[in-house]
Amino acid sequence: MDCVYRTSGVCAMEIHFHIQDNIITNVEFIGGCNGNLKAIAKLIDGYTVEEIESKLSGNTCGHRSTSCADQLAKAVRAAYNELHKN
């Protein structure tokens, strides 16, 4: 399933990714720090939702209470929950 997550409180406006079962691939951030976000996307390609959450949840950016990485963790969890809500 292809997903689009609208972020909150960060420079990136959206996160696009694919989820199949519990595996996340094809992550793309729209906006934000281009080089760093491309690196994050490459590093987590093929990770499970739990692996992404364990590495990225709670990361902050400067004075913000969240970050693009933290928003990615929220995005993949929301997509997983939506996929498995029945």
PDB file of N, CA and C in Angstrom:
ATOM      1  N   MET A   1       0.852  -1.167   0.000  1.00  0.00           N
ATOM      2  CA  MET A   1       0.000   0.000   0.000  1.00  0.00           C
ATOM      3  C   MET A   1       0.902   1.236   0.000  1.00  0.00           C
ATOM      4  N   ASP A   2       0.642   2.147  -0.904  1.00  0.00           N
ATOM      5  CA  ASP A   2       1.365   3.410  -0.942  1.00  0.00           C
ATOM      6  C   ASP A   2       0.687   4.389   0.006  1.00  0.00           C
ATOM      7  N   CYS A   3       1.504   5.109   0.776  1.00  0.00           N
ATOM      8  CA  CYS A   3       0.975   5.994   1.819  1.00  0.00           C
ATOM      9  C   CYS A   3       1.523   7.406   1.674  1.00  0.00           C
ATOM     10  N   VAL A   4       0.724   8.363   2.084  1.00  0.00           N
ATOM     11  CA  VAL A   4       1.135   9.762   2.193  1.00  0.00           C
ATOM     12  C   VAL A   4       0.758  10.222   3.593  1.00  0.00           C
ATOM     13  N   TYR A   5       1.763  10.736   4.327  1.00  0.00           N
ATOM     14  CA  TYR A   5       1.539  11.218   5.688  1.00  0.00           C
ATOM     15  C   TYR A   5       1.855  12.706   5.719  1.00  0.00           C
ATOM     16  N   ARG A   6       0.912  13.503   6.172  1.00  0.00           N
ATOM     17  CA  ARG A   6       1.126  14.945   6.311  1.00  0.00           C
ATOM     18  C   ARG A   6       1.732  15.201   7.689  1.00  0.00           C
ATOM     19  N   THR A   7       2.905  15.767   7.684  1.00  0.00           N
ATOM     20  CA  THR A   7       3.652  15.959   8.924  1.00  0.00           C
ATOM     21  C   THR A   7       3.128  17.154   9.710  1.00  0.00           C
ATOM     22  N   SER A   8       3.601  17.255  10.942  1.00  0.00           N
ATOM     23  CA  SER A   8       3.216  18.357  11.816  1.00  0.00           C
ATOM     24  C   SER A   8       4.432  18.812  12.611  1.00  0.00           C
ATOM     25  N   GLY A   9       4.695  20.111  12.599  1.00  0.00           N
ATOM     26  CA  GLY A   9       5.751  20.670  13.431  1.00  0.00           C
ATOM     27  C   GLY A   9       7.163  20.535  12.892  1.00  0.00           C
ATOM     28  N   VAL A  10       7.310  20.175  11.612  1.00  0.00           N
ATOM     29  CA  VAL A  10       8.640  20.026  11.007  1.00  0.00           C
ATOM     30  C   VAL A  10       8.672  20.703   9.643  1.00  0.00           C
ATOM     31  N   CYS A  11       9.861  20.800   9.080  1.00  0.00           N
ATOM     32  CA  CYS A  11      10.027  21.450   7.779  1.00  0.00           C
ATOM     33  C   CYS A  11       9.474  20.620   6.623  1.00  0.00           C
ATOM     34  N   ALA A  12       9.637  19.306   6.686  1.00  0.00           N
ATOM     35  CA  ALA A  12       9.072  18.452   5.645  1.00  0.00           C
ATOM     36  C   ALA A  12       7.549  18.539   5.712  1.00  0.00           C
ATOM     37  N   MET A  13       6.917  18.624   4.556  1.00  0.00           N
ATOM     38  CA  MET A  13       5.459  18.771   4.517  1.00  0.00           C
ATOM     39  C   MET A  13       4.751  17.430   4.488  1.00  0.00           C
ATOM     40  N   GLU A  14       5.359  16.452   3.817  1.00  0.00           N
ATOM     41  CA  GLU A  14       4.758  15.129   3.683  1.00  0.00           C
ATOM     42  C   GLU A  14       5.844  14.066   3.668  1.00  0.00           C
ATOM     43  N   ILE A  15       5.421  12.841   3.978  1.00  0.00           N
ATOM     44  CA  ILE A  15       6.276  11.677   3.835  1.00  0.00           C
ATOM     45  C   ILE A  15       5.511  10.659   3.003  1.00  0.00           C
ATOM     46  N   HIS A  16       6.131  10.212   1.925  1.00  0.00           N
ATOM     47  CA  HIS A  16       5.542   9.187   1.067  1.00  0.00           C
ATOM     48  C   HIS A  16       6.322   7.899   1.296  1.00  0.00           C
ATOM     49  N   PHE A  17       5.625   6.764   1.340  1.00  0.00           N
ATOM     50  CA  PHE A  17       6.303   5.479   1.518  1.00  0.00           C
ATOM     51  C   PHE A  17       5.376   4.348   1.128  1.00  0.00           C
ATOM     52  N   HIS A  18       5.957   3.168   1.023  1.00  0.00           N
ATOM     53  CA  HIS A  18       5.195   1.960   0.724  1.00  0.00           C
ATOM     54  C   HIS A  18       5.280   1.045   1.937  1.00  0.00           C
ATOM     55  N   ILE A  19       4.147   0.449   2.305  1.00  0.00           N
ATOM     56  CA  ILE A  19       4.120  -0.539   3.383  1.00  0.00           C
ATOM     57  C   ILE A  19       3.503  -1.817   2.838  1.00  0.00           C
ATOM     58  N   GLN A  20       4.191  -2.914   3.069  1.00  0.00           N
ATOM     59  CA  GLN A  20       3.651  -4.227   2.726  1.00  0.00           C
ATOM     60  C   GLN A  20       3.880  -5.123   3.923  1.00  0.00           C
ATOM     61  N   ASP A  21       2.791  -5.655   4.472  1.00  0.00           N
ATOM     62  CA  ASP A  21       2.825  -6.388   5.733  1.00  0.00           C
ATOM     63  C   ASP A  21       3.388  -5.442   6.794  1.00  0.00           C
ATOM     64  N   ASN A  22       4.614  -5.633   7.201  1.00  0.00           N
ATOM     65  CA  ASN A  22       5.235  -4.812   8.243  1.00  0.00           C
ATOM     66  C   ASN A  22       6.521  -4.158   7.741  1.00  0.00           C
ATOM     67  N   ILE A  23       6.756  -4.183   6.428  1.00  0.00           N
ATOM     68  CA  ILE A  23       8.007  -3.701   5.855  1.00  0.00           C
ATOM     69  C   ILE A  23       7.776  -2.366   5.138  1.00  0.00           C
ATOM     70  N   ILE A  24       8.681  -1.416   5.400  1.00  0.00           N
ATOM     71  CA  ILE A  24       8.598  -0.076   4.825  1.00  0.00           C
ATOM     72  C   ILE A  24       9.668   0.079   3.745  1.00  0.00           C
ATOM     73  N   THR A  25       9.248   0.562   2.574  1.00  0.00           N
ATOM     74  CA  THR A  25      10.174   0.828   1.479  1.00  0.00           C
ATOM     75  C   THR A  25       9.793   2.128   0.779  1.00  0.00           C
ATOM     76  N   ASN A  26      10.665   2.586  -0.096  1.00  0.00           N
ATOM     77  CA  ASN A  26      10.409   3.739  -0.971  1.00  0.00           C
ATOM     78  C   ASN A  26      10.028   5.001  -0.203  1.00  0.00           C
ATOM     79  N   VAL A  27      10.746   5.295   0.859  1.00  0.00           N
ATOM     80  CA  VAL A  27      10.461   6.490   1.662  1.00  0.00           C
ATOM     81  C   VAL A  27      10.952   7.729   0.917  1.00  0.00           C
ATOM     82  N   GLU A  28      10.105   8.745   0.884  1.00  0.00           N
ATOM     83  CA  GLU A  28      10.461  10.028   0.275  1.00  0.00           C
ATOM     84  C   GLU A  28       9.854  11.151   1.112  1.00  0.00           C
ATOM     85  N   PHE A  29      10.698  12.076   1.522  1.00  0.00           N
ATOM     86  CA  PHE A  29      10.236  13.258   2.250  1.00  0.00           C
ATOM     87  C   PHE A  29      10.023  14.387   1.250  1.00  0.00           C
ATOM     88  N   ILE A  30       8.934  15.120   1.410  1.00  0.00           N
ATOM     89  CA  ILE A  30       8.648  16.285   0.582  1.00  0.00           C
ATOM     90  C   ILE A  30       8.946  17.512   1.437  1.00  0.00           C
ATOM     91  N   GLY A  31       9.990  18.255   1.063  1.00  0.00           N
ATOM     92  CA  GLY A  31      10.464  19.391   1.849  1.00  0.00           C
ATOM     93  C   GLY A  31      11.477  18.926   2.872  1.00  0.00           C
ATOM     94  N   GLY A  32      11.902  19.828   3.715  1.00  0.00           N
ATOM     95  CA  GLY A  32      12.861  19.492   4.764  1.00  0.00           C
ATOM     96  C   GLY A  32      14.300  19.518   4.287  1.00  0.00           C
ATOM     97  N   CYS A  33      15.189  18.987   5.072  1.00  0.00           N
ATOM     98  CA  CYS A  33      16.631  18.965   4.799  1.00  0.00           C
ATOM     99  C   CYS A  33      16.940  17.839   3.821  1.00  0.00           C
ATOM    100  N   ASN A  34      17.001  18.172   2.577  1.00  0.00           N
ATOM    101  CA  ASN A  34      17.045  17.205   1.483  1.00  0.00           C
ATOM    102  C   ASN A  34      18.088  16.102   1.665  1.00  0.00           C
ATOM    103  N   GLY A  35      19.331  16.454   1.895  1.00  0.00           N
ATOM    104  CA  GLY A  35      20.393  15.447   2.006  1.00  0.00           C
ATOM    105  C   GLY A  35      20.206  14.521   3.189  1.00  0.00           C
ATOM    106  N   ASN A  36      19.919  15.080   4.343  1.00  0.00           N
ATOM    107  CA  ASN A  36      19.732  14.258   5.543  1.00  0.00           C
ATOM    108  C   ASN A  36      18.529  13.329   5.409  1.00  0.00           C
ATOM    109  N   LEU A  37      17.464  13.826   4.843  1.00  0.00           N
ATOM    110  CA  LEU A  37      16.255  13.009   4.728  1.00  0.00           C
ATOM    111  C   LEU A  37      16.403  11.915   3.679  1.00  0.00           C
ATOM    112  N   LYS A  38      17.168  12.178   2.619  1.00  0.00           N
ATOM    113  CA  LYS A  38      17.464  11.121   1.650  1.00  0.00           C
ATOM    114  C   LYS A  38      18.283  10.023   2.320  1.00  0.00           C
ATOM    115  N   ALA A  39      19.216  10.415   3.186  1.00  0.00           N
ATOM    116  CA  ALA A  39      20.043   9.435   3.899  1.00  0.00           C
ATOM    117  C   ALA A  39      19.190   8.583   4.832  1.00  0.00           C
ATOM    118  N   ILE A  40      18.306   9.212   5.595  1.00  0.00           N
ATOM    119  CA  ILE A  40      17.419   8.457   6.487  1.00  0.00           C
ATOM    120  C   ILE A  40      16.598   7.461   5.675  1.00  0.00           C
ATOM    121  N   ALA A  41      16.051   7.910   4.555  1.00  0.00           N
ATOM    122  CA  ALA A  41      15.222   7.038   3.719  1.00  0.00           C
ATOM    123  C   ALA A  41      16.006   5.817   3.247  1.00  0.00           C
ATOM    124  N   LYS A  42      17.250   6.010   2.846  1.00  0.00           N
ATOM    125  CA  LYS A  42      18.084   4.889   2.392  1.00  0.00           C
ATOM    126  C   LYS A  42      18.415   3.947   3.552  1.00  0.00           C
ATOM    127  N   LEU A  43      18.715   4.512   4.703  1.00  0.00           N
ATOM    128  CA  LEU A  43      19.116   3.697   5.848  1.00  0.00           C
ATOM    129  C   LEU A  43      18.001   2.798   6.361  1.00  0.00           C
ATOM    130  N   ILE A  44      16.769   3.257   6.296  1.00  0.00           N
ATOM    131  CA  ILE A  44      15.669   2.466   6.872  1.00  0.00           C
ATOM    132  C   ILE A  44      14.906   1.648   5.835  1.00  0.00           C
ATOM    133  N   ASP A  45      15.294   1.711   4.577  1.00  0.00           N
ATOM    134  CA  ASP A  45      14.602   0.959   3.533  1.00  0.00           C
ATOM    135  C   ASP A  45      14.619  -0.532   3.848  1.00  0.00           C
ATOM    136  N   GLY A  46      13.444  -1.132   3.909  1.00  0.00           N
ATOM    137  CA  GLY A  46      13.318  -2.546   4.218  1.00  0.00           C
ATOM    138  C   GLY A  46      13.170  -2.856   5.696  1.00  0.00           C
ATOM    139  N   TYR A  47      13.172  -1.833   6.549  1.00  0.00           N
ATOM    140  CA  TYR A  47      12.991  -2.035   7.989  1.00  0.00           C
ATOM    141  C   TYR A  47      11.524  -2.296   8.306  1.00  0.00           C
ATOM    142  N   THR A  48      11.299  -2.918   9.445  1.00  0.00           N
ATOM    143  CA  THR A  48       9.937  -3.093   9.936  1.00  0.00           C
ATOM    144  C   THR A  48       9.485  -1.817  10.648  1.00  0.00           C
ATOM    145  N   VAL A  49       8.198  -1.735  10.881  1.00  0.00           N
ATOM    146  CA  VAL A  49       7.638  -0.604  11.625  1.00  0.00           C
ATOM    147  C   VAL A  49       8.302  -0.509  12.998  1.00  0.00           C
ATOM    148  N   GLU A  50       8.454  -1.640  13.671  1.00  0.00           N
ATOM    149  CA  GLU A  50       9.049  -1.639  15.019  1.00  0.00           C
ATOM    150  C   GLU A  50      10.511  -1.198  15.001  1.00  0.00           C
ATOM    151  N   GLU A  51      11.255  -1.606  13.986  1.00  0.00           N
ATOM    152  CA  GLU A  51      12.657  -1.183  13.889  1.00  0.00           C
ATOM    153  C   GLU A  51      12.762   0.327  13.688  1.00  0.00           C
ATOM    154  N   ILE A  52      11.902   0.860  12.848  1.00  0.00           N
ATOM    155  CA  ILE A  52      11.901   2.306  12.615  1.00  0.00           C
ATOM    156  C   ILE A  52      11.513   3.048  13.886  1.00  0.00           C
ATOM    157  N   GLU A  53      10.477   2.581  14.553  1.00  0.00           N
ATOM    158  CA  GLU A  53      10.059   3.220  15.806  1.00  0.00           C
ATOM    159  C   GLU A  53      11.178   3.185  16.842  1.00  0.00           C
ATOM    160  N   SER A  54      11.843   2.049  16.984  1.00  0.00           N
ATOM    161  CA  SER A  54      12.863   1.933  18.028  1.00  0.00           C
ATOM    162  C   SER A  54      14.047   2.852  17.777  1.00  0.00           C
ATOM    163  N   LYS A  55      14.345   3.139  16.519  1.00  0.00           N
ATOM    164  CA  LYS A  55      15.484   3.987  16.194  1.00  0.00           C
ATOM    165  C   LYS A  55      15.129   5.470  16.111  1.00  0.00           C
ATOM    166  N   LEU A  56      13.906   5.792  15.693  1.00  0.00           N
ATOM    167  CA  LEU A  56      13.589   7.181  15.356  1.00  0.00           C
ATOM    168  C   LEU A  56      12.572   7.873  16.256  1.00  0.00           C
ATOM    169  N   SER A  57      11.739   7.126  16.965  1.00  0.00           N
ATOM    170  CA  SER A  57      10.730   7.760  17.827  1.00  0.00           C
ATOM    171  C   SER A  57      11.387   8.611  18.906  1.00  0.00           C
ATOM    172  N   GLY A  58      10.840   9.787  19.096  1.00  0.00           N
ATOM    173  CA  GLY A  58      11.320  10.656  20.155  1.00  0.00           C
ATOM    174  C   GLY A  58      12.461  11.575  19.761  1.00  0.00           C
ATOM    175  N   ASN A  59      13.028  11.407  18.564  1.00  0.00           N
ATOM    176  CA  ASN A  59      14.071  12.334  18.108  1.00  0.00           C
ATOM    177  C   ASN A  59      13.471  13.722  17.967  1.00  0.00           C
ATOM    178  N   THR A  60      14.214  14.718  18.386  1.00  0.00           N
ATOM    179  CA  THR A  60      13.751  16.099  18.270  1.00  0.00           C
ATOM    180  C   THR A  60      14.671  16.863  17.329  1.00  0.00           C
ATOM    181  N   CYS A  61      14.226  18.034  16.906  1.00  0.00           N
ATOM    182  CA  CYS A  61      15.001  18.902  16.014  1.00  0.00           C
ATOM    183  C   CYS A  61      15.043  20.293  16.636  1.00  0.00           C
ATOM    184  N   GLY A  62      16.220  20.677  17.106  1.00  0.00           N
ATOM    185  CA  GLY A  62      16.349  21.983  17.740  1.00  0.00           C
ATOM    186  C   GLY A  62      15.400  22.119  18.908  1.00  0.00           C
ATOM    187  N   HIS A  63      14.635  23.187  18.934  1.00  0.00           N
ATOM    188  CA  HIS A  63      13.695  23.460  20.025  1.00  0.00           C
ATOM    189  C   HIS A  63      12.348  22.750  19.838  1.00  0.00           C
ATOM    190  N   ARG A  64      12.167  22.098  18.696  1.00  0.00           N
ATOM    191  CA  ARG A  64      10.890  21.415  18.416  1.00  0.00           C
ATOM    192  C   ARG A  64      10.763  20.145  19.255  1.00  0.00           C
ATOM    193  N   SER A  65       9.544  19.761  19.516  1.00  0.00           N
ATOM    194  CA  SER A  65       9.303  18.537  20.281  1.00  0.00           C
ATOM    195  C   SER A  65       9.263  17.300  19.388  1.00  0.00           C
ATOM    196  N   THR A  66       9.487  17.468  18.091  1.00  0.00           N
ATOM    197  CA  THR A  66       9.487  16.376  17.123  1.00  0.00           C
ATOM    198  C   THR A  66      10.564  16.645  16.088  1.00  0.00           C
ATOM    199  N   SER A  67      10.703  15.750  15.140  1.00  0.00           N
ATOM    200  CA  SER A  67      11.647  15.900  14.029  1.00  0.00           C
ATOM    201  C   SER A  67      11.076  15.153  12.834  1.00  0.00           C
ATOM    202  N   CYS A  68      11.711  15.296  11.693  1.00  0.00           N
ATOM    203  CA  CYS A  68      11.263  14.545  10.525  1.00  0.00           C
ATOM    204  C   CYS A  68      11.386  13.046  10.781  1.00  0.00           C
ATOM    205  N   ALA A  69      12.437  12.630  11.468  1.00  0.00           N
ATOM    206  CA  ALA A  69      12.614  11.213  11.805  1.00  0.00           C
ATOM    207  C   ALA A  69      11.500  10.729  12.733  1.00  0.00           C
ATOM    208  N   ASP A  70      11.177  11.524  13.741  1.00  0.00           N
ATOM    209  CA  ASP A  70      10.091  11.187  14.658  1.00  0.00           C
ATOM    210  C   ASP A  70       8.758  11.123  13.910  1.00  0.00           C
ATOM    211  N   GLN A  71       8.547  12.050  12.985  1.00  0.00           N
ATOM    212  CA  GLN A  71       7.331  12.050  12.183  1.00  0.00           C
ATOM    213  C   GLN A  71       7.250  10.803  11.309  1.00  0.00           C
ATOM    214  N   LEU A  72       8.396  10.327  10.806  1.00  0.00           N
ATOM    215  CA  LEU A  72       8.417   9.086  10.039  1.00  0.00           C
ATOM    216  C   LEU A  72       7.976   7.910  10.903  1.00  0.00           C
ATOM    217  N   ALA A  73       8.463   7.853  12.129  1.00  0.00           N
ATOM    218  CA  ALA A  73       8.053   6.781  13.040  1.00  0.00           C
ATOM    219  C   ALA A  73       6.538   6.825  13.274  1.00  0.00           C
ATOM    220  N   LYS A  74       5.988   8.010  13.455  1.00  0.00           N
ATOM    221  CA  LYS A  74       4.545   8.161  13.630  1.00  0.00           C
ATOM    222  C   LYS A  74       3.794   7.750  12.360  1.00  0.00           C
ATOM    223  N   ALA A  75       4.347   8.106  11.208  1.00  0.00           N
ATOM    224  CA  ALA A  75       3.702   7.810   9.926  1.00  0.00           C
ATOM    225  C   ALA A  75       3.605   6.315   9.675  1.00  0.00           C
ATOM    226  N   VAL A  76       4.691   5.605   9.904  1.00  0.00           N
ATOM    227  CA  VAL A  76       4.668   4.161   9.617  1.00  0.00           C
ATOM    228  C   VAL A  76       3.766   3.424  10.597  1.00  0.00           C
ATOM    229  N   ARG A  77       3.718   3.870  11.859  1.00  0.00           N
ATOM    230  CA  ARG A  77       2.813   3.247  12.833  1.00  0.00           C
ATOM    231  C   ARG A  77       1.361   3.490  12.432  1.00  0.00           C
ATOM    232  N   ALA A  78       1.038   4.713  12.020  1.00  0.00           N
ATOM    233  CA  ALA A  78      -0.332   5.030  11.617  1.00  0.00           C
ATOM    234  C   ALA A  78      -0.743   4.189  10.407  1.00  0.00           C
ATOM    235  N   ALA A  79       0.160   4.043   9.450  1.00  0.00           N
ATOM    236  CA  ALA A  79      -0.140   3.242   8.259  1.00  0.00           C
ATOM    237  C   ALA A  79      -0.330   1.778   8.627  1.00  0.00           C
ATOM    238  N   TYR A  80       0.530   1.261   9.480  1.00  0.00           N
ATOM    239  CA  TYR A  80       0.417  -0.136   9.921  1.00  0.00           C
ATOM    240  C   TYR A  80      -0.917  -0.352  10.625  1.00  0.00           C
ATOM    241  N   ASN A  81      -1.264   0.554  11.541  1.00  0.00           N
ATOM    242  CA  ASN A  81      -2.533   0.422  12.272  1.00  0.00           C
ATOM    243  C   ASN A  81      -3.729   0.487  11.326  1.00  0.00           C
ATOM    244  N   GLU A  82      -3.665   1.366  10.338  1.00  0.00           N
ATOM    245  CA  GLU A  82      -4.746   1.484   9.350  1.00  0.00           C
ATOM    246  C   GLU A  82      -4.869   0.190   8.537  1.00  0.00           C
ATOM    247  N   LEU A  83      -3.734  -0.364   8.167  1.00  0.00           N
ATOM    248  CA  LEU A  83      -3.701  -1.589   7.359  1.00  0.00           C
ATOM    249  C   LEU A  83      -4.271  -2.779   8.113  1.00  0.00           C
ATOM    250  N   HIS A  84      -4.099  -2.791   9.441  1.00  0.00           N
ATOM    251  CA  HIS A  84      -4.491  -3.941  10.264  1.00  0.00           C
ATOM    252  C   HIS A  84      -5.664  -3.649  11.202  1.00  0.00           C
ATOM    253  N   LYS A  85      -6.480  -2.663  10.908  1.00  0.00           N
ATOM    254  CA  LYS A  85      -7.557  -2.296  11.837  1.00  0.00           C
ATOM    255  C   LYS A  85      -8.734  -3.244  11.836  1.00  0.00           C
ATOM    256  N   ASN A  86      -8.856  -4.077  10.859  1.00  0.00           N
ATOM    257  CA  ASN A  86     -10.010  -4.981  10.817  1.00  0.00           C
ATOM    258  C   ASN A  86      -9.764  -6.180  11.614  1.00  0.00           C
TER     259      ASN A  86
END
